[in-house]
Amino acid sequence: MKRIFFISILTLLIAANAYSQGIIDKIVGIVGNEIIMMSDIENQYIQMQSQQMEITSNTRCEILEDMMFQKLLYVQAQKDSIEVTPKEVDMELDRRLSVFINQIGSEQKLEEYFGKTIKSIKEDLRSTIEEQMMSQKVQQKIIGDTKVTPSEVKHFYESLPADSIPTIEAYYELSEIVIKPEVSKEDKEKVIAELNKIRERIQNGESFSTMAVLYSEDPGSAMKGGELGFVSKTDLVPEFSQVAFNLTSPLDVSPVVETEYGFHIIQMIEKRGNMMNFRHILMKPKVSMEALEEADRKATEVYNILKTDTISFTDAVKKYSNGDSKGSDGKVMNPYYGDAHMTDDFLDPYTKMALSSLKEGEFSKPFLSSDNKGIRVIKIIRLDLDVKEHKANMKDDYLTIQKYALEDKNSKLVDEWVTDKVKGVYIKVDDEYKDCDFNVKCWIKK
């Protein structure tokens, strides 16, 4: 079964009015108690067009089939009582949005593009992300720990018709040195003082929830009055967890706590066994222009040292970089697929510009960029590999072909599961789609 859209980041950021206002919406698919609207299909179709993806006469059918498949997984997830924690949803939201923030250049530009705040975007996407994550857990149970042998990979490749051999999209492999601006002691103290004022107001009777809506910089919880939902100690970063789980009364408000995300005050809502529900207010110190200029000066010093050829790029990463990629010797990893293949879609405009003048093995001058949390940083990048678009071959692209072979094997397992499951689930497809060329034929019940 060809699933080109499931868990796709392209489905997640569709403008609310993308679907034409002049067309009456209607239900086009039902799976159990879950419905699929015509607007769902059209929004995805419009998004594909805007991304210049291949469109065929069967594209809307493929979108519908993929959505029915996802709904079937979700129905099964509900039946199996599969859950995801609020923290898991928040992490996935941050991961997916970081891709778009890097692409478009900044959080502000993303907000301008969609005409809404980051908080609103996250709230719009939260239920969709939760549903997809639950569905994904079911899909993972179906395929289990499937593997393919080298002979299976070879057989898969040799069985492909010439016109079906996959095209490898152009990609880069990069390494980076990241210099993060330091937040001054004064800027931290300003945030702590502001949080202490808010804490005092709450202790004097004002609502923690209202203060969270007004002041918290955590997009995932602010609009819910700072509420995180029930979590265990391991769901939270240690600094937060240590303070939060020592609260004993809903009347208590914690002292200011510092974590990697910024500064927090916390209030307990309820305890159930080893799980607790909290509210929190997050505030982040702002990076000053002076700190950014100092980071640029340090990066220029590193660049000049690299030019003398007295230190390798990898050693310079270990010595000078303070970015998240330092642990992988500066190797930039694709935030969505988890490999080192960085296509244009996953590069911010500043990195693209820096790459344009580099050959393999060369490194750039320092330039302004942002990290995966949207914080402005100064980077130096090295172009490790520049792969042009080409037809896959066993010599150069074995790992990619292996991935396709595994996907094909998993797809057959899922098709079998779908064929079996739809027998016991109510399925209805609108007459407009009854002539669709679905990959799995059982969606249309006779």
Protein backbone atom coordinates (compact mmCIF):
# COMPACT_ATOMS: atom_id res chain seq x y z
CA MET A 1 0.00 0.00 0.00
CA LYS A 2 1.53 3.28 -1.06
CA ARG A 3 1.34 5.69 1.86
CA ILE A 4 2.81 8.95 0.72
CA PHE A 5 1.07 11.17 3.24
CA PHE A 6 0.81 9.34 6.55
CA ILE A 7 2.56 11.21 9.38
CA SER A 8 3.59 13.76 6.76
CA ILE A 9 4.71 17.17 7.99
CA LEU A 10 2.99 18.67 4.95
CA THR A 11 -0.44 17.82 6.37
CA LEU A 12 0.19 19.74 9.56
CA LEU A 13 0.47 23.39 8.60
CA ILE A 14 -2.44 24.06 6.30
CA ALA A 15 -3.98 27.51 6.50
CA ALA A 16 -7.42 27.43 8.07
CA ASN A 17 -9.11 28.97 5.01
CA ALA A 18 -7.17 27.04 2.36
CA TYR A 19 -10.37 25.26 1.33
CA SER A 20 -12.46 27.41 -0.97
CA GLN A 21 -15.21 29.23 0.92
CA GLY A 22 -17.52 28.82 -2.07
CA ILE A 23 -17.70 25.01 -1.90
CA ILE A 24 -20.08 23.25 0.50
CA ASP A 25 -18.18 20.79 2.72
CA LYS A 26 -19.39 17.22 3.21
CA ILE A 27 -18.38 13.87 4.68
CA VAL A 28 -16.54 11.72 2.13
CA GLY A 29 -15.33 8.87 4.34
CA ILE A 30 -16.26 7.17 7.61
CA VAL A 31 -14.11 4.67 9.52
CA GLY A 32 -15.79 3.47 12.70
CA ASN A 33 -16.87 6.69 14.43
CA GLU A 34 -14.20 8.78 12.66
CA ILE A 35 -15.09 11.00 9.71
CA ILE A 36 -13.12 12.48 6.81
CA MET A 37 -14.39 15.72 5.29
CA MET A 38 -14.04 16.87 1.70
CA SER A 39 -12.15 19.90 3.07
CA ASP A 40 -9.55 17.51 4.57
CA ILE A 41 -8.89 16.12 1.08
CA GLU A 42 -8.88 19.52 -0.61
CA ASN A 43 -6.60 21.15 1.97
CA GLN A 44 -4.03 18.37 1.48
CA TYR A 45 -4.41 18.62 -2.30
CA ILE A 46 -3.85 22.40 -2.21
CA GLN A 47 -0.83 21.93 0.03
CA MET A 48 0.65 19.41 -2.43
CA GLN A 49 0.16 21.85 -5.28
CA SER A 50 1.88 24.62 -3.33
CA GLN A 51 4.82 22.26 -2.70
CA GLN A 52 4.95 21.40 -6.43
CA MET A 53 4.48 17.71 -5.67
CA GLU A 54 3.40 15.34 -8.43
CA ILE A 55 -0.36 15.50 -9.05
CA THR A 56 -2.26 12.81 -10.97
CA SER A 57 -5.91 12.01 -11.64
CA ASN A 58 -5.73 9.56 -8.70
CA THR A 59 -4.13 11.93 -6.18
CA ARG A 60 -7.33 12.76 -4.29
CA CYS A 61 -8.04 9.01 -4.07
CA GLU A 62 -4.56 8.42 -2.62
CA ILE A 63 -5.13 11.17 -0.05
CA LEU A 64 -8.48 9.68 0.97
CA GLU A 65 -7.05 6.17 1.24
CA ASP A 66 -4.19 7.36 3.40
CA MET A 67 -6.60 9.24 5.66
CA MET A 68 -8.85 6.18 5.99
CA PHE A 69 -5.81 4.10 6.85
CA GLN A 70 -4.82 6.60 9.56
CA LYS A 71 -8.38 6.63 10.95
CA LEU A 72 -8.38 2.82 11.04
CA LEU A 73 -5.16 2.89 13.05
CA TYR A 74 -6.65 5.51 15.37
CA VAL A 75 -9.80 3.45 15.91
CA GLN A 76 -7.58 0.50 16.85
CA ALA A 77 -5.49 2.72 19.15
CA GLN A 78 -8.63 3.74 21.04
CA LYS A 79 -9.72 0.11 21.26
CA ASP A 80 -6.30 -0.86 22.64
CA SER A 81 -6.34 2.13 25.09
CA ILE A 82 -3.08 3.44 23.65
CA GLU A 83 -2.10 6.81 25.10
CA VAL A 84 0.56 9.45 24.57
CA THR A 85 1.62 11.88 27.29
CA PRO A 86 1.34 15.67 26.95
CA LYS A 87 5.12 15.85 27.07
CA GLU A 88 5.42 13.44 24.12
CA VAL A 89 2.97 15.57 22.13
CA ASP A 90 4.82 18.77 23.02
CA MET A 91 8.16 17.28 21.97
CA GLU A 92 6.72 16.12 18.65
CA LEU A 93 5.10 19.51 18.05
CA ASP A 94 8.41 21.26 18.74
CA ARG A 95 10.30 18.85 16.49
CA ARG A 96 7.96 19.30 13.54
CA LEU A 97 7.64 23.06 13.91
CA SER A 98 11.42 23.43 14.17
CA VAL A 99 11.65 22.09 10.61
CA PHE A 100 9.37 24.84 9.33
CA ILE A 101 11.01 27.53 11.47
CA ASN A 102 14.38 26.57 9.98
CA GLN A 103 12.92 26.58 6.48
CA ILE A 104 11.21 29.94 6.76
CA GLY A 105 13.92 31.63 8.83
CA SER A 106 12.31 32.49 12.20
CA GLU A 107 9.28 32.01 14.42
CA GLN A 108 8.11 35.51 13.51
CA LYS A 109 8.12 34.72 9.79
CA LEU A 110 6.21 31.49 10.44
CA GLU A 111 3.60 33.44 12.40
CA GLU A 112 3.30 36.00 9.62
CA TYR A 113 2.95 33.28 6.97
CA PHE A 114 0.07 31.55 8.75
CA GLY A 115 -1.45 34.69 10.25
CA LYS A 116 -1.43 33.32 13.80
CA THR A 117 0.90 33.01 16.78
CA ILE A 118 3.08 29.97 17.49
CA LYS A 119 0.79 29.29 20.46
CA SER A 120 -2.25 29.22 18.19
CA ILE A 121 -0.51 27.05 15.60
CA LYS A 122 0.40 24.52 18.29
CA GLU A 123 -3.10 24.47 19.73
CA ASP A 124 -4.54 23.96 16.24
CA LEU A 125 -2.22 21.01 15.67
CA ARG A 126 -2.25 19.38 19.12
CA SER A 127 -5.19 16.99 18.62
CA THR A 128 -3.95 16.01 15.14
CA ILE A 129 -0.47 15.27 16.46
CA GLU A 130 -1.88 13.24 19.36
CA GLU A 131 -4.04 11.20 16.98
CA GLN A 132 -1.12 10.59 14.62
CA MET A 133 1.19 9.53 17.45
CA MET A 134 -1.39 7.05 18.76
CA SER A 135 -1.87 5.72 15.23
CA GLN A 136 1.87 5.45 14.76
CA LYS A 137 2.18 3.28 17.87
CA VAL A 138 -0.38 0.87 16.40
CA GLN A 139 1.48 0.78 13.09
CA GLN A 140 4.71 0.03 14.94
CA LYS A 141 3.03 -2.91 16.69
CA ILE A 142 1.93 -4.26 13.30
CA ILE A 143 5.36 -4.23 11.70
CA GLY A 144 7.31 -5.07 14.86
CA ASP A 145 11.06 -5.40 14.40
CA THR A 146 11.03 -6.36 10.71
CA LYS A 147 14.41 -6.71 8.99
CA VAL A 148 15.58 -7.36 5.42
CA THR A 149 18.56 -9.48 4.44
CA PRO A 150 21.11 -8.41 1.81
CA SER A 151 19.64 -10.97 -0.59
CA GLU A 152 16.16 -9.50 -0.06
CA VAL A 153 17.54 -6.02 -0.80
CA LYS A 154 19.19 -7.28 -3.98
CA HIS A 155 16.02 -9.10 -5.07
CA PHE A 156 13.90 -6.01 -4.37
CA TYR A 157 16.17 -3.79 -6.48
CA GLU A 158 16.45 -6.25 -9.36
CA SER A 159 12.66 -6.76 -9.43
CA LEU A 160 11.98 -3.05 -9.92
CA PRO A 161 11.01 -2.02 -13.46
CA ALA A 162 13.48 0.47 -14.93
CA ASP A 163 10.98 3.32 -14.65
CA SER A 164 10.29 2.48 -10.99
CA ILE A 165 13.87 2.71 -9.73
CA PRO A 166 13.68 5.49 -7.15
CA THR A 167 15.30 8.84 -7.81
CA ILE A 168 17.60 9.95 -5.02
CA GLU A 169 16.85 13.58 -4.25
CA ALA A 170 19.85 15.90 -4.09
CA TYR A 171 21.13 16.23 -0.54
CA TYR A 172 24.03 17.50 1.52
CA GLU A 173 25.87 16.19 4.54
CA LEU A 174 27.11 18.97 6.80
CA SER A 175 29.08 19.52 9.97
CA GLU A 176 28.77 22.69 12.04
CA ILE A 177 30.39 24.74 14.75
CA VAL A 178 27.71 26.57 16.74
CA ILE A 179 28.40 29.55 18.96
CA LYS A 180 25.39 30.32 21.13
CA PRO A 181 25.18 33.83 22.58
CA GLU A 182 25.50 33.86 26.35
CA VAL A 183 22.56 35.18 28.32
CA SER A 184 23.86 37.75 30.80
CA LYS A 185 23.41 37.45 34.55
CA GLU A 186 21.40 40.68 34.47
CA ASP A 187 18.98 39.31 31.84
CA LYS A 188 18.47 36.16 33.91
CA GLU A 189 17.87 38.20 37.04
CA LYS A 190 15.22 40.28 35.22
CA VAL A 191 13.29 37.13 34.36
CA ILE A 192 13.62 35.73 37.90
CA ALA A 193 12.41 39.04 39.36
CA GLU A 194 9.42 39.09 36.98
CA LEU A 195 8.48 35.52 37.90
CA ASN A 196 8.78 36.32 41.61
CA LYS A 197 6.35 39.22 41.13
CA ILE A 198 3.89 36.89 39.41
CA ARG A 199 4.39 34.31 42.16
CA GLU A 200 3.61 36.94 44.81
CA ARG A 201 0.43 37.97 42.95
CA ILE A 202 -0.71 34.33 42.87
CA GLN A 203 0.03 33.90 46.59
CA ASN A 204 -2.07 37.01 47.21
CA GLY A 205 -5.06 35.41 45.54
CA GLU A 206 -4.75 35.95 41.78
CA SER A 207 -5.33 32.97 39.47
CA PHE A 208 -2.31 30.90 38.42
CA SER A 209 -4.20 29.90 35.26
CA THR A 210 -4.82 33.52 34.29
CA MET A 211 -1.20 34.44 34.92
CA ALA A 212 -0.09 31.51 32.74
CA VAL A 213 -2.31 32.62 29.84
CA LEU A 214 -1.00 36.19 30.14
CA TYR A 215 2.70 35.59 30.74
CA SER A 216 3.87 32.00 30.08
CA GLU A 217 6.14 31.46 27.07
CA ASP A 218 5.34 27.76 26.83
CA PRO A 219 3.08 27.55 23.74
CA GLY A 220 2.01 24.01 24.57
CA SER A 221 0.47 24.82 27.96
CA ALA A 222 -0.11 28.58 28.20
CA MET A 223 -3.55 28.57 26.56
CA LYS A 224 -4.59 25.81 28.97
CA GLY A 225 -3.68 27.91 31.97
CA GLY A 226 -0.24 26.37 32.17
CA GLU A 227 -1.61 22.85 32.72
CA LEU A 228 0.71 20.01 31.72
CA GLY A 229 -1.61 17.06 32.35
CA PHE A 230 -0.72 13.95 34.34
CA VAL A 231 2.97 13.10 34.07
CA SER A 232 5.50 10.91 35.82
CA LYS A 233 8.88 12.00 37.13
CA THR A 234 10.62 10.60 34.06
CA ASP A 235 8.41 12.68 31.72
CA LEU A 236 10.03 15.88 33.00
CA VAL A 237 13.56 17.26 32.95
CA PRO A 238 15.26 16.49 36.32
CA GLU A 239 15.46 20.09 37.58
CA PHE A 240 11.72 20.57 37.04
CA SER A 241 10.76 17.13 38.32
CA GLN A 242 12.74 17.45 41.55
CA VAL A 243 10.85 20.58 42.58
CA ALA A 244 7.43 19.71 41.13
CA PHE A 245 7.13 16.29 42.77
CA ASN A 246 8.01 17.76 46.19
CA LEU A 247 4.95 20.03 46.13
CA THR A 248 2.35 18.78 48.59
CA SER A 249 -0.57 21.20 48.33
CA PRO A 250 -2.45 22.83 45.41
CA LEU A 251 -2.09 26.10 47.36
CA ASP A 252 1.71 26.02 47.05
CA VAL A 253 3.61 27.81 44.30
CA SER A 254 7.21 26.70 43.86
CA PRO A 255 10.21 29.02 43.96
CA VAL A 256 11.68 29.90 40.56
CA VAL A 257 13.24 26.84 38.90
CA GLU A 258 15.82 26.99 36.09
CA THR A 259 15.89 24.33 33.35
CA GLU A 260 17.28 24.14 29.81
CA TYR A 261 14.03 25.73 28.62
CA GLY A 262 14.23 28.82 30.83
CA PHE A 263 12.77 29.70 34.25
CA HIS A 264 9.55 28.31 35.76
CA ILE A 265 7.19 28.58 38.68
CA ILE A 266 5.06 25.48 39.33
CA GLN A 267 1.76 24.66 41.02
CA MET A 268 0.47 21.16 41.76
CA ILE A 269 -3.12 20.44 40.70
CA GLU A 270 -3.69 16.79 41.62
CA LYS A 271 -1.84 13.58 42.47
CA ARG A 272 -2.86 10.08 41.31
CA GLY A 273 -0.47 7.39 42.47
CA ASN A 274 2.89 8.05 40.82
CA MET A 275 1.37 10.56 38.40
CA MET A 276 0.83 14.24 39.08
CA ASN A 277 -0.81 17.10 37.19
CA PHE A 278 0.86 20.53 37.30
CA ARG A 279 0.54 24.05 36.05
CA HIS A 280 3.63 26.07 35.26
CA ILE A 281 4.63 29.46 33.93
CA LEU A 282 7.73 29.58 31.73
CA MET A 283 9.72 32.72 30.97
CA LYS A 284 12.90 32.88 28.90
CA PRO A 285 15.73 35.44 29.14
CA LYS A 286 16.18 37.39 25.92
CA VAL A 287 19.48 37.31 24.03
CA SER A 288 20.86 40.85 23.80
CA MET A 289 22.38 42.33 20.65
CA GLU A 290 25.66 42.71 22.56
CA ALA A 291 25.68 38.97 23.33
CA LEU A 292 24.98 38.16 19.67
CA GLU A 293 27.83 40.44 18.56
CA GLU A 294 30.16 38.74 21.08
CA ALA A 295 29.18 35.31 19.70
CA ASP A 296 29.95 36.57 16.19
CA ARG A 297 33.36 37.80 17.36
CA LYS A 298 34.15 34.38 18.91
CA ALA A 299 33.02 32.59 15.74
CA THR A 300 35.28 34.85 13.65
CA GLU A 301 38.22 33.92 15.87
CA VAL A 302 37.44 30.21 15.35
CA TYR A 303 37.12 30.77 11.60
CA ASN A 304 40.56 32.45 11.49
CA ILE A 305 42.09 29.55 13.45
CA LEU A 306 40.55 27.05 11.02
CA LYS A 307 42.05 28.95 8.11
CA THR A 308 45.56 28.49 9.54
CA ASP A 309 45.03 24.70 9.25
CA THR A 310 46.43 24.19 12.78
CA ILE A 311 43.27 22.44 13.98
CA SER A 312 40.84 20.06 12.30
CA PHE A 313 37.19 20.98 11.95
CA THR A 314 36.20 18.07 14.22
CA ASP A 315 38.64 19.17 16.93
CA ALA A 316 37.35 22.73 16.61
CA VAL A 317 33.82 21.42 17.18
CA LYS A 318 34.97 19.69 20.38
CA LYS A 319 36.86 22.76 21.58
CA TYR A 320 34.60 25.66 20.63
CA SER A 321 31.07 24.56 19.68
CA ASN A 322 28.25 24.71 22.24
CA GLY A 323 25.38 23.55 20.02
CA ASP A 324 23.32 20.36 20.26
CA SER A 325 25.35 18.81 17.41
CA LYS A 326 28.55 18.83 19.47
CA GLY A 327 27.79 15.30 20.71
CA SER A 328 27.91 13.99 17.11
CA ASP A 329 31.21 15.78 16.34
CA GLY A 330 29.24 18.59 14.71
CA LYS A 331 27.37 16.36 12.24
CA VAL A 332 24.04 17.94 11.31
CA MET A 333 21.18 15.46 11.58
CA ASN A 334 17.89 15.73 9.74
CA PRO A 335 15.38 16.58 12.50
CA TYR A 336 12.57 14.69 10.80
CA TYR A 337 14.17 11.52 9.43
CA GLY A 338 17.03 11.13 11.89
CA ASP A 339 19.78 10.67 9.26
CA ALA A 340 22.47 13.03 7.97
CA HIS A 341 20.79 13.70 4.61
CA MET A 342 19.88 17.39 4.52
CA THR A 343 17.79 18.34 1.50
CA ASP A 344 16.91 21.92 0.61
CA ASP A 345 13.56 21.53 2.38
CA PHE A 346 15.30 21.17 5.74
CA LEU A 347 17.80 24.03 5.39
CA ASP A 348 17.19 27.56 6.58
CA PRO A 349 17.83 30.39 4.08
CA TYR A 350 21.10 31.43 5.74
CA THR A 351 22.55 27.92 5.52
CA LYS A 352 21.49 27.61 1.88
CA MET A 353 23.28 30.85 1.11
CA ALA A 354 26.44 29.73 2.93
CA LEU A 355 26.39 26.39 1.05
CA SER A 356 26.06 28.00 -2.37
CA SER A 357 29.74 28.94 -2.51
CA LEU A 358 31.22 25.78 -0.93
CA LYS A 359 32.79 22.68 -2.42
CA GLU A 360 33.10 19.37 -0.58
CA GLY A 361 35.52 19.71 2.34
CA GLU A 362 35.31 23.53 2.48
CA PHE A 363 33.90 25.50 5.41
CA SER A 364 31.97 28.76 5.45
CA LYS A 365 32.52 32.11 7.07
CA PRO A 366 30.49 32.65 10.27
CA PHE A 367 26.85 33.51 9.63
CA LEU A 368 23.68 34.19 11.60
CA SER A 369 21.29 31.24 11.89
CA SER A 370 19.00 29.64 14.48
CA ASP A 371 19.00 26.39 16.43
CA ASN A 372 16.16 23.88 16.68
CA LYS A 373 14.51 25.94 19.43
CA GLY A 374 14.47 29.04 17.23
CA ILE A 375 17.25 30.76 19.22
CA ARG A 376 19.59 32.92 17.17
CA VAL A 377 23.13 31.53 16.96
CA ILE A 378 26.28 32.01 14.90
CA LYS A 379 27.39 29.04 12.79
CA ILE A 380 30.31 27.89 10.69
CA ILE A 381 29.40 24.96 8.43
CA ARG A 382 31.53 22.48 6.50
CA LEU A 383 30.18 20.78 3.37
CA ASP A 384 31.04 17.10 3.89
CA LEU A 385 29.11 15.65 0.95
CA ASP A 386 27.23 17.11 -2.01
CA VAL A 387 25.06 14.47 -3.71
CA LYS A 388 23.28 15.41 -6.92
CA GLU A 389 19.90 13.99 -7.92
CA HIS A 390 20.31 10.56 -9.55
CA LYS A 391 18.73 7.15 -10.06
CA ALA A 392 19.45 4.83 -7.14
CA ASN A 393 22.11 2.18 -7.64
CA MET A 394 23.37 -0.63 -5.41
CA LYS A 395 26.94 0.71 -5.29
CA ASP A 396 26.27 4.23 -4.04
CA ASP A 397 22.83 3.94 -2.47
CA TYR A 398 22.68 0.54 -0.78
CA LEU A 399 21.37 1.93 2.53
CA THR A 400 18.64 3.90 0.75
CA ILE A 401 17.59 0.87 -1.29
CA GLN A 402 17.65 -1.21 1.90
CA LYS A 403 15.26 1.33 3.46
CA TYR A 404 12.92 1.07 0.45
CA ALA A 405 13.04 -2.73 0.59
CA LEU A 406 12.16 -2.64 4.30
CA GLU A 407 9.30 -0.21 3.62
CA ASP A 408 7.99 -2.54 0.91
CA LYS A 409 8.10 -5.52 3.28
CA ASN A 410 6.39 -3.53 6.04
CA SER A 411 3.81 -2.23 3.60
CA LYS A 412 2.76 -5.77 2.73
CA LEU A 413 2.38 -6.61 6.43
CA VAL A 414 0.21 -3.52 6.93
CA ASP A 415 -1.91 -4.31 3.86
CA GLU A 416 -2.66 -7.73 5.32
CA TRP A 417 -3.60 -6.10 8.64
CA VAL A 418 -5.89 -3.57 6.92
CA THR A 419 -7.63 -6.26 4.87
CA ASP A 420 -8.32 -8.23 8.04
CA LYS A 421 -9.38 -5.27 10.24
CA VAL A 422 -11.86 -3.61 7.89
CA LYS A 423 -14.03 -6.73 8.09
CA GLY A 424 -15.04 -5.74 11.62
CA VAL A 425 -15.18 -1.94 11.25
CA TYR A 426 -17.90 0.23 9.72
CA ILE A 427 -16.49 1.75 6.51
CA LYS A 428 -18.29 4.12 4.19
CA VAL A 429 -16.88 5.90 1.13
CA ASP A 430 -18.79 8.65 -0.68
CA ASP A 431 -20.07 7.70 -4.15
CA GLU A 432 -17.77 10.34 -5.65
CA TYR A 433 -14.79 8.16 -4.65
CA LYS A 434 -16.21 4.69 -5.36
CA ASP A 435 -14.32 4.38 -8.65
CA CYS A 436 -10.96 5.17 -7.02
CA ASP A 437 -8.01 2.94 -7.76
CA PHE A 438 -7.20 2.17 -4.13
CA ASN A 439 -4.06 0.18 -3.33
CA VAL A 440 -6.05 -1.99 -0.91
CA LYS A 441 -9.31 -2.99 -2.55
CA CYS A 442 -11.27 -3.73 0.64
CA TRP A 443 -12.20 -0.10 1.40
CA ILE A 444 -15.24 -0.37 -0.89
CA LYS A 445 -17.48 -2.98 0.71
CA LYS A 446 -19.88 -4.80 -1.57
